[in-house]
Amino acid sequence: MASAGSKSAASFILALNLFLYFIVIVIASWAVNHGIHRSKEAASVLSPPAKLFPIYFPMGNMATGFFVILTLIAGVVGFTTSLTGLHNILQWNAPNLHAAAMSSLATWVLTLLAMGFACKEIELGWTDSNLRTLEVITIIVSATQLLCTGVIHVGVSEVIPHRMGRV
């Protein structure tokens, strides 16, 4: 039965994404916390336009602020989507698979946005080792999220013909 293969593959990839997004949340939260603690002393010597941004990141480059904030948002959304996606995959019916497919697609788009800032930060260079780890994991999780979205959409296409055949 093909749907059992898709169900187990989707469950495995969602569990992997749950773990990866948790790592993303931990590292991005550390970076935000580090930026908040060091921003008062580090931003005191900056010119007024740079002082307006509430969190100044003393590590990294000019793309670090956008990258860390968007990665934190993508991590929280991805973790939540993976958790609810596991529940939806276990149900394995058309409404739950459609909900998992659309939330997985929205998470992938948000993760791609964070990956774009990760690539920009890599291009600008000079980042901390923790930020390099966050960049690499963000790129990996964008690929696994694409794979997850594809597997869930295959599951949707397997469930719909079975449902139409019974009507």
N, C-alpha and C. Protein backbone atom coordinates (compact mmCIF):
# COMPACT_ATOMS: atom_id res chain seq x y z
N MET A 1 0.85 -1.18 0.00
CA MET A 1 0.00 0.00 0.00
C MET A 1 0.89 1.24 0.00
N ALA A 2 0.68 2.12 -0.95
CA ALA A 2 1.54 3.29 -1.13
C ALA A 2 1.31 4.34 -0.04
N SER A 3 0.10 4.42 0.47
CA SER A 3 -0.18 5.45 1.46
C SER A 3 0.53 5.18 2.79
N ALA A 4 0.79 3.91 3.08
CA ALA A 4 1.53 3.61 4.32
C ALA A 4 2.97 4.11 4.22
N GLY A 5 3.55 4.02 3.02
CA GLY A 5 4.90 4.54 2.81
C GLY A 5 4.95 6.04 2.94
N SER A 6 3.98 6.72 2.37
CA SER A 6 3.93 8.18 2.47
C SER A 6 3.69 8.61 3.91
N LYS A 7 2.84 7.86 4.61
CA LYS A 7 2.54 8.22 6.00
C LYS A 7 3.78 8.07 6.88
N SER A 8 4.53 6.98 6.71
CA SER A 8 5.72 6.80 7.54
C SER A 8 6.82 7.78 7.15
N ALA A 9 6.97 8.08 5.86
CA ALA A 9 7.97 9.05 5.43
C ALA A 9 7.63 10.44 5.96
N ALA A 10 6.35 10.81 5.87
CA ALA A 10 5.94 12.13 6.37
C ALA A 10 6.13 12.21 7.89
N SER A 11 5.83 11.14 8.59
CA SER A 11 6.01 11.15 10.05
C SER A 11 7.48 11.29 10.42
N PHE A 12 8.35 10.58 9.70
CA PHE A 12 9.78 10.66 9.98
C PHE A 12 10.31 12.06 9.70
N ILE A 13 9.94 12.62 8.56
CA ILE A 13 10.44 13.95 8.18
C ILE A 13 9.89 15.02 9.12
N LEU A 14 8.64 14.89 9.53
CA LEU A 14 8.08 15.85 10.48
C LEU A 14 8.78 15.76 11.84
N ALA A 15 9.11 14.55 12.27
CA ALA A 15 9.84 14.41 13.54
C ALA A 15 11.24 15.01 13.42
N LEU A 16 11.89 14.81 12.27
CA LEU A 16 13.20 15.41 12.04
C LEU A 16 13.10 16.94 12.03
N ASN A 17 12.09 17.47 11.36
CA ASN A 17 11.89 18.91 11.33
C ASN A 17 11.58 19.47 12.72
N LEU A 18 10.84 18.73 13.50
CA LEU A 18 10.54 19.16 14.87
C LEU A 18 11.84 19.35 15.65
N PHE A 19 12.75 18.40 15.52
CA PHE A 19 14.05 18.48 16.19
C PHE A 19 14.89 19.63 15.64
N LEU A 20 14.95 19.78 14.31
CA LEU A 20 15.74 20.85 13.70
C LEU A 20 15.20 22.23 14.04
N TYR A 21 13.88 22.39 14.01
CA TYR A 21 13.30 23.68 14.36
C TYR A 21 13.52 24.01 15.84
N PHE A 22 13.55 22.98 16.70
CA PHE A 22 13.85 23.24 18.10
C PHE A 22 15.28 23.78 18.25
N ILE A 23 16.22 23.21 17.53
CA ILE A 23 17.60 23.71 17.56
C ILE A 23 17.66 25.14 17.04
N VAL A 24 16.91 25.43 15.98
CA VAL A 24 16.86 26.79 15.43
C VAL A 24 16.32 27.76 16.47
N ILE A 25 15.27 27.38 17.17
CA ILE A 25 14.69 28.24 18.21
C ILE A 25 15.70 28.51 19.32
N VAL A 26 16.41 27.48 19.75
CA VAL A 26 17.37 27.65 20.85
C VAL A 26 18.50 28.59 20.45
N ILE A 27 19.08 28.39 19.27
CA ILE A 27 20.22 29.23 18.87
C ILE A 27 19.76 30.65 18.57
N ALA A 28 18.63 30.81 17.89
CA ALA A 28 18.13 32.16 17.58
C ALA A 28 17.73 32.89 18.86
N SER A 29 17.15 32.19 19.82
CA SER A 29 16.80 32.82 21.10
C SER A 29 18.05 33.26 21.84
N TRP A 30 19.10 32.43 21.80
CA TRP A 30 20.36 32.84 22.42
C TRP A 30 20.90 34.10 21.76
N ALA A 31 20.84 34.15 20.42
CA ALA A 31 21.37 35.32 19.71
C ALA A 31 20.57 36.58 20.05
N VAL A 32 19.26 36.46 20.14
CA VAL A 32 18.45 37.63 20.52
C VAL A 32 18.76 38.05 21.96
N ASN A 33 18.87 37.10 22.86
CA ASN A 33 19.20 37.40 24.25
C ASN A 33 20.58 38.05 24.35
N HIS A 34 21.54 37.51 23.62
CA HIS A 34 22.90 38.07 23.62
C HIS A 34 22.88 39.49 23.05
N GLY A 35 22.10 39.70 22.00
CA GLY A 35 21.99 41.03 21.41
C GLY A 35 21.35 42.04 22.35
N ILE A 36 20.34 41.61 23.10
CA ILE A 36 19.67 42.52 24.04
C ILE A 36 20.61 42.89 25.18
N HIS A 37 21.34 41.91 25.72
CA HIS A 37 22.24 42.20 26.83
C HIS A 37 23.41 43.09 26.43
N ARG A 38 23.91 42.94 25.22
CA ARG A 38 25.07 43.70 24.80
C ARG A 38 24.72 44.96 24.03
N SER A 39 23.45 45.19 23.73
CA SER A 39 23.09 46.32 22.86
C SER A 39 23.29 47.67 23.53
N LYS A 40 23.07 47.77 24.82
CA LYS A 40 23.20 49.08 25.47
C LYS A 40 24.63 49.59 25.41
N GLU A 41 25.57 48.75 25.74
CA GLU A 41 26.97 49.18 25.73
C GLU A 41 27.53 49.28 24.32
N ALA A 42 27.12 48.38 23.43
CA ALA A 42 27.68 48.38 22.08
C ALA A 42 27.08 49.48 21.21
N ALA A 43 25.80 49.76 21.40
CA ALA A 43 25.14 50.76 20.56
C ALA A 43 25.35 52.19 21.07
N SER A 44 25.94 52.36 22.23
CA SER A 44 26.13 53.71 22.77
C SER A 44 27.11 54.53 21.94
N VAL A 45 27.99 53.88 21.21
CA VAL A 45 28.97 54.60 20.39
C VAL A 45 28.52 54.77 18.94
N LEU A 46 27.33 54.28 18.63
CA LEU A 46 26.85 54.36 17.25
C LEU A 46 26.18 55.71 16.98
N SER A 47 26.03 56.01 15.70
CA SER A 47 25.32 57.23 15.31
C SER A 47 23.82 57.03 15.51
N PRO A 48 23.04 58.12 15.55
CA PRO A 48 21.60 58.03 15.88
C PRO A 48 20.77 57.09 15.00
N PRO A 49 20.97 56.95 13.69
CA PRO A 49 20.09 56.01 12.98
C PRO A 49 20.26 54.57 13.46
N ALA A 50 21.45 54.17 13.81
CA ALA A 50 21.68 52.81 14.28
C ALA A 50 21.12 52.60 15.68
N LYS A 51 21.00 53.67 16.46
CA LYS A 51 20.46 53.55 17.82
C LYS A 51 18.95 53.32 17.83
N LEU A 52 18.27 53.59 16.72
CA LEU A 52 16.83 53.44 16.68
C LEU A 52 16.38 51.99 16.70
N PHE A 53 17.19 51.09 16.15
CA PHE A 53 16.84 49.67 16.17
C PHE A 53 17.01 49.16 17.59
N PRO A 54 15.98 48.57 18.18
CA PRO A 54 16.05 48.23 19.61
C PRO A 54 17.08 47.15 19.95
N ILE A 55 17.43 46.29 19.02
CA ILE A 55 18.40 45.24 19.30
C ILE A 55 19.56 45.42 18.34
N TYR A 56 20.70 45.75 18.87
CA TYR A 56 21.91 45.84 18.08
C TYR A 56 22.71 44.56 18.30
N PHE A 57 23.06 43.88 17.23
CA PHE A 57 23.79 42.62 17.36
C PHE A 57 25.28 42.89 17.26
N PRO A 58 26.00 42.75 18.37
CA PRO A 58 27.43 43.04 18.35
C PRO A 58 28.23 41.98 17.59
N MET A 59 27.63 40.80 17.36
CA MET A 59 28.32 39.80 16.57
C MET A 59 27.71 39.77 15.18
N GLY A 60 28.45 39.31 14.22
CA GLY A 60 27.91 39.20 12.88
C GLY A 60 28.11 40.45 12.05
N ASN A 61 27.22 40.66 11.08
CA ASN A 61 27.34 41.78 10.17
C ASN A 61 25.99 42.50 10.07
N MET A 62 25.81 43.28 9.04
CA MET A 62 24.60 44.11 8.94
C MET A 62 23.33 43.29 8.69
N ALA A 63 23.45 42.07 8.22
CA ALA A 63 22.28 41.23 7.97
C ALA A 63 21.88 40.41 9.20
N THR A 64 22.66 40.46 10.25
CA THR A 64 22.43 39.60 11.41
C THR A 64 21.10 39.88 12.09
N GLY A 65 20.74 41.13 12.26
CA GLY A 65 19.48 41.46 12.93
C GLY A 65 18.27 40.89 12.23
N PHE A 66 18.20 41.10 10.92
CA PHE A 66 17.09 40.57 10.14
C PHE A 66 17.10 39.04 10.14
N PHE A 67 18.29 38.47 9.97
CA PHE A 67 18.42 37.02 9.92
C PHE A 67 17.97 36.37 11.22
N VAL A 68 18.42 36.87 12.34
CA VAL A 68 18.11 36.24 13.63
C VAL A 68 16.62 36.37 13.95
N ILE A 69 16.05 37.54 13.74
CA ILE A 69 14.62 37.72 14.04
C ILE A 69 13.75 36.86 13.14
N LEU A 70 14.03 36.85 11.84
CA LEU A 70 13.23 36.03 10.92
C LEU A 70 13.44 34.54 11.16
N THR A 71 14.63 34.15 11.54
CA THR A 71 14.88 32.74 11.84
C THR A 71 14.15 32.32 13.11
N LEU A 72 14.10 33.20 14.09
CA LEU A 72 13.34 32.89 15.31
C LEU A 72 11.86 32.73 14.99
N ILE A 73 11.31 33.61 14.19
CA ILE A 73 9.89 33.50 13.80
C ILE A 73 9.66 32.22 13.00
N ALA A 74 10.54 31.94 12.04
CA ALA A 74 10.40 30.72 11.23
C ALA A 74 10.56 29.47 12.10
N GLY A 75 11.43 29.53 13.10
CA GLY A 75 11.61 28.39 13.99
C GLY A 75 10.37 28.11 14.83
N VAL A 76 9.77 29.14 15.35
CA VAL A 76 8.56 28.95 16.17
C VAL A 76 7.41 28.45 15.31
N VAL A 77 7.23 29.05 14.14
CA VAL A 77 6.16 28.61 13.24
C VAL A 77 6.43 27.19 12.77
N GLY A 78 7.68 26.87 12.42
CA GLY A 78 8.02 25.53 11.95
C GLY A 78 7.85 24.47 13.02
N PHE A 79 8.24 24.79 14.25
CA PHE A 79 8.07 23.85 15.35
C PHE A 79 6.58 23.56 15.57
N THR A 80 5.78 24.60 15.58
CA THR A 80 4.34 24.44 15.78
C THR A 80 3.71 23.67 14.62
N THR A 81 4.11 23.99 13.41
CA THR A 81 3.57 23.30 12.24
C THR A 81 3.97 21.83 12.24
N SER A 82 5.20 21.53 12.63
CA SER A 82 5.64 20.14 12.68
C SER A 82 4.87 19.36 13.74
N LEU A 83 4.63 19.99 14.86
CA LEU A 83 3.89 19.33 15.93
C LEU A 83 2.44 19.06 15.52
N THR A 84 1.78 20.05 14.97
CA THR A 84 0.40 19.84 14.52
C THR A 84 0.36 18.96 13.27
N GLY A 85 1.41 19.02 12.45
CA GLY A 85 1.47 18.16 11.27
C GLY A 85 1.57 16.69 11.65
N LEU A 86 2.31 16.39 12.71
CA LEU A 86 2.37 15.00 13.18
C LEU A 86 1.00 14.50 13.59
N HIS A 87 0.25 15.35 14.27
CA HIS A 87 -1.12 14.98 14.65
C HIS A 87 -1.98 14.77 13.41
N ASN A 88 -1.87 15.67 12.44
CA ASN A 88 -2.67 15.55 11.23
C ASN A 88 -2.29 14.33 10.41
N ILE A 89 -1.01 13.99 10.36
CA ILE A 89 -0.56 12.82 9.61
C ILE A 89 -1.06 11.54 10.27
N LEU A 90 -1.09 11.51 11.58
CA LEU A 90 -1.59 10.33 12.28
C LEU A 90 -3.07 10.10 12.00
N GLN A 91 -3.83 11.16 11.76
CA GLN A 91 -5.25 11.02 11.42
C GLN A 91 -5.42 10.45 10.01
N TRP A 92 -4.60 10.91 9.08
CA TRP A 92 -4.52 10.46 7.68
C TRP A 92 -5.89 10.43 6.99
N ASN A 93 -6.58 11.56 7.05
CA ASN A 93 -7.79 11.73 6.25
C ASN A 93 -7.67 13.04 5.47
N ALA A 94 -8.55 13.24 4.53
CA ALA A 94 -8.41 14.37 3.59
C ALA A 94 -8.38 15.74 4.28
N PRO A 95 -9.29 16.06 5.19
CA PRO A 95 -9.24 17.39 5.80
C PRO A 95 -7.95 17.65 6.59
N ASN A 96 -7.51 16.64 7.35
CA ASN A 96 -6.29 16.83 8.12
C ASN A 96 -5.06 16.91 7.23
N LEU A 97 -5.03 16.14 6.15
CA LEU A 97 -3.89 16.22 5.23
C LEU A 97 -3.86 17.54 4.48
N HIS A 98 -5.02 18.07 4.14
CA HIS A 98 -5.05 19.40 3.50
C HIS A 98 -4.54 20.47 4.46
N ALA A 99 -4.93 20.39 5.73
CA ALA A 99 -4.44 21.36 6.72
C ALA A 99 -2.93 21.22 6.89
N ALA A 100 -2.43 20.00 6.94
CA ALA A 100 -0.99 19.78 7.08
C ALA A 100 -0.24 20.28 5.85
N ALA A 101 -0.82 20.07 4.67
CA ALA A 101 -0.16 20.49 3.44
C ALA A 101 -0.06 22.01 3.35
N MET A 102 -1.11 22.70 3.69
CA MET A 102 -1.08 24.16 3.58
C MET A 102 -0.20 24.80 4.65
N SER A 103 -0.25 24.28 5.86
CA SER A 103 0.62 24.83 6.90
C SER A 103 2.08 24.51 6.62
N SER A 104 2.34 23.35 6.04
CA SER A 104 3.71 22.99 5.67
C SER A 104 4.22 23.90 4.55
N LEU A 105 3.37 24.24 3.61
CA LEU A 105 3.76 25.13 2.53
C LEU A 105 4.04 26.54 3.05
N ALA A 106 3.19 27.03 3.95
CA ALA A 106 3.41 28.36 4.53
C ALA A 106 4.70 28.40 5.36
N THR A 107 4.98 27.33 6.08
CA THR A 107 6.21 27.26 6.86
C THR A 107 7.43 27.21 5.95
N TRP A 108 7.32 26.49 4.84
CA TRP A 108 8.44 26.41 3.91
C TRP A 108 8.76 27.79 3.32
N VAL A 109 7.72 28.56 2.98
CA VAL A 109 7.93 29.90 2.43
C VAL A 109 8.61 30.80 3.47
N LEU A 110 8.17 30.73 4.71
CA LEU A 110 8.79 31.53 5.76
C LEU A 110 10.23 31.08 6.02
N THR A 111 10.48 29.79 5.96
CA THR A 111 11.84 29.28 6.14
C THR A 111 12.73 29.69 4.97
N LEU A 112 12.17 29.75 3.77
CA LEU A 112 12.94 30.22 2.62
C LEU A 112 13.34 31.68 2.78
N LEU A 113 12.48 32.48 3.36
CA LEU A 113 12.82 33.87 3.62
C LEU A 113 13.98 33.96 4.60
N ALA A 114 13.94 33.16 5.66
CA ALA A 114 15.06 33.13 6.61
C ALA A 114 16.32 32.59 5.95
N MET A 115 16.17 31.61 5.06
CA MET A 115 17.33 31.07 4.36
C MET A 115 17.95 32.11 3.44
N GLY A 116 17.13 32.95 2.85
CA GLY A 116 17.66 34.03 2.02
C GLY A 116 18.54 34.98 2.82
N PHE A 117 18.11 35.32 4.02
CA PHE A 117 18.95 36.16 4.88
C PHE A 117 20.19 35.41 5.36
N ALA A 118 20.08 34.09 5.53
CA ALA A 118 21.27 33.30 5.89
C ALA A 118 22.29 33.35 4.76
N CYS A 119 21.82 33.23 3.53
CA CYS A 119 22.73 33.30 2.39
C CYS A 119 23.35 34.70 2.27
N LYS A 120 22.57 35.73 2.54
CA LYS A 120 23.10 37.09 2.52
C LYS A 120 24.15 37.28 3.61
N GLU A 121 23.90 36.71 4.77
CA GLU A 121 24.87 36.83 5.85
C GLU A 121 26.16 36.08 5.52
N ILE A 122 26.03 34.94 4.87
CA ILE A 122 27.22 34.19 4.44
C ILE A 122 27.99 35.00 3.41
N GLU A 123 27.26 35.66 2.50
CA GLU A 123 27.91 36.46 1.47
C GLU A 123 28.67 37.65 2.07
N LEU A 124 28.08 38.30 3.07
CA LEU A 124 28.75 39.44 3.71
C LEU A 124 29.93 39.01 4.57
N GLY A 125 29.89 37.80 5.08
CA GLY A 125 31.02 37.26 5.83
C GLY A 125 31.10 37.75 7.26
N TRP A 126 32.13 37.30 7.95
CA TRP A 126 32.46 37.64 9.32
C TRP A 126 31.29 37.42 10.28
N THR A 127 31.04 36.14 10.58
CA THR A 127 30.01 35.81 11.56
C THR A 127 30.61 34.93 12.65
N ASP A 128 29.94 34.93 13.77
CA ASP A 128 30.31 34.13 14.92
C ASP A 128 30.05 32.65 14.61
N SER A 129 30.68 31.74 15.34
CA SER A 129 30.48 30.31 15.09
C SER A 129 29.05 29.88 15.39
N ASN A 130 28.42 30.49 16.38
CA ASN A 130 27.02 30.16 16.66
C ASN A 130 26.11 30.62 15.53
N LEU A 131 26.42 31.76 14.95
CA LEU A 131 25.62 32.23 13.81
C LEU A 131 25.85 31.36 12.58
N ARG A 132 27.08 30.89 12.39
CA ARG A 132 27.34 29.98 11.27
C ARG A 132 26.56 28.69 11.44
N THR A 133 26.47 28.21 12.66
CA THR A 133 25.67 27.01 12.93
C THR A 133 24.21 27.26 12.62
N LEU A 134 23.70 28.43 13.02
CA LEU A 134 22.31 28.78 12.73
C LEU A 134 22.08 28.91 11.23
N GLU A 135 23.05 29.46 10.50
CA GLU A 135 22.92 29.58 9.05
C GLU A 135 22.83 28.21 8.39
N VAL A 136 23.70 27.31 8.80
CA VAL A 136 23.73 25.97 8.21
C VAL A 136 22.45 25.21 8.52
N ILE A 137 22.00 25.26 9.77
CA ILE A 137 20.78 24.54 10.14
C ILE A 137 19.57 25.15 9.44
N THR A 138 19.55 26.46 9.23
CA THR A 138 18.44 27.09 8.51
C THR A 138 18.41 26.61 7.07
N ILE A 139 19.55 26.48 6.43
CA ILE A 139 19.60 25.99 5.06
C ILE A 139 19.17 24.52 5.00
N ILE A 140 19.62 23.72 5.96
CA ILE A 140 19.23 22.30 5.99
C ILE A 140 17.73 22.16 6.23
N VAL A 141 17.20 22.93 7.17
CA VAL A 141 15.77 22.78 7.49
C VAL A 141 14.89 23.30 6.35
N SER A 142 15.38 24.22 5.54
CA SER A 142 14.58 24.63 4.38
C SER A 142 14.49 23.50 3.37
N ALA A 143 15.56 22.71 3.23
CA ALA A 143 15.51 21.56 2.32
C ALA A 143 14.61 20.45 2.87
N THR A 144 14.72 20.17 4.16
CA THR A 144 13.87 19.13 4.73
C THR A 144 12.40 19.55 4.77
N GLN A 145 12.15 20.85 4.92
CA GLN A 145 10.77 21.33 4.89
C GLN A 145 10.19 21.21 3.48
N LEU A 146 11.00 21.44 2.46
CA LEU A 146 10.54 21.23 1.08
C LEU A 146 10.21 19.76 0.86
N LEU A 147 11.06 18.87 1.33
CA LEU A 147 10.81 17.44 1.21
C LEU A 147 9.54 17.04 1.95
N CYS A 148 9.36 17.59 3.14
CA CYS A 148 8.16 17.31 3.93
C CYS A 148 6.90 17.79 3.22
N THR A 149 6.97 18.98 2.66
CA THR A 149 5.82 19.52 1.92
C THR A 149 5.48 18.63 0.74
N GLY A 150 6.49 18.17 0.04
CA GLY A 150 6.25 17.28 -1.10
C GLY A 150 5.63 15.96 -0.69
N VAL A 151 6.13 15.36 0.39
CA VAL A 151 5.59 14.08 0.84
C VAL A 151 4.15 14.22 1.31
N ILE A 152 3.84 15.30 1.99
CA ILE A 152 2.47 15.52 2.45
C ILE A 152 1.54 15.73 1.25
N HIS A 153 2.00 16.47 0.24
CA HIS A 153 1.17 16.66 -0.95
C HIS A 153 0.97 15.34 -1.71
N VAL A 154 1.96 14.47 -1.69
CA VAL A 154 1.77 13.14 -2.29
C VAL A 154 0.72 12.37 -1.50
N GLY A 155 0.76 12.48 -0.18
CA GLY A 155 -0.25 11.83 0.65
C GLY A 155 -1.64 12.35 0.37
N VAL A 156 -1.75 13.65 0.12
CA VAL A 156 -3.06 14.23 -0.22
C VAL A 156 -3.54 13.65 -1.54
N SER A 157 -2.64 13.54 -2.51
CA SER A 157 -3.06 13.01 -3.82
C SER A 157 -3.40 11.52 -3.74
N GLU A 158 -2.85 10.81 -2.76
CA GLU A 158 -3.22 9.40 -2.58
C GLU A 158 -4.56 9.24 -1.88
N VAL A 159 -4.87 10.12 -0.97
CA VAL A 159 -6.12 10.00 -0.20
C VAL A 159 -7.32 10.44 -1.02
N ILE A 160 -7.18 11.47 -1.82
CA ILE A 160 -8.31 12.03 -2.59
C ILE A 160 -8.89 11.02 -3.58
N PRO A 161 -8.12 10.29 -4.40
CA PRO A 161 -8.75 9.32 -5.32
C PRO A 161 -9.48 8.21 -4.59
N HIS A 162 -8.97 7.77 -3.44
CA HIS A 162 -9.66 6.75 -2.66
C HIS A 162 -11.00 7.27 -2.16
N ARG A 163 -11.02 8.52 -1.79
CA ARG A 163 -12.25 9.13 -1.29
C ARG A 163 -13.25 9.31 -2.43
N MET A 164 -12.79 9.71 -3.60
CA MET A 164 -13.67 9.91 -4.75
C MET A 164 -14.21 8.57 -5.25
N GLY A 165 -13.44 7.51 -5.12
CA GLY A 165 -13.88 6.21 -5.60
C GLY A 165 -15.02 5.65 -4.79
N ARG A 166 -15.13 6.02 -3.54
CA ARG A 166 -16.19 5.51 -2.67
C ARG A 166 -17.49 6.27 -2.83
N VAL A 167 -17.46 7.44 -3.40
CA VAL A 167 -18.66 8.27 -3.51
C VAL A 167 -19.60 7.74 -4.55
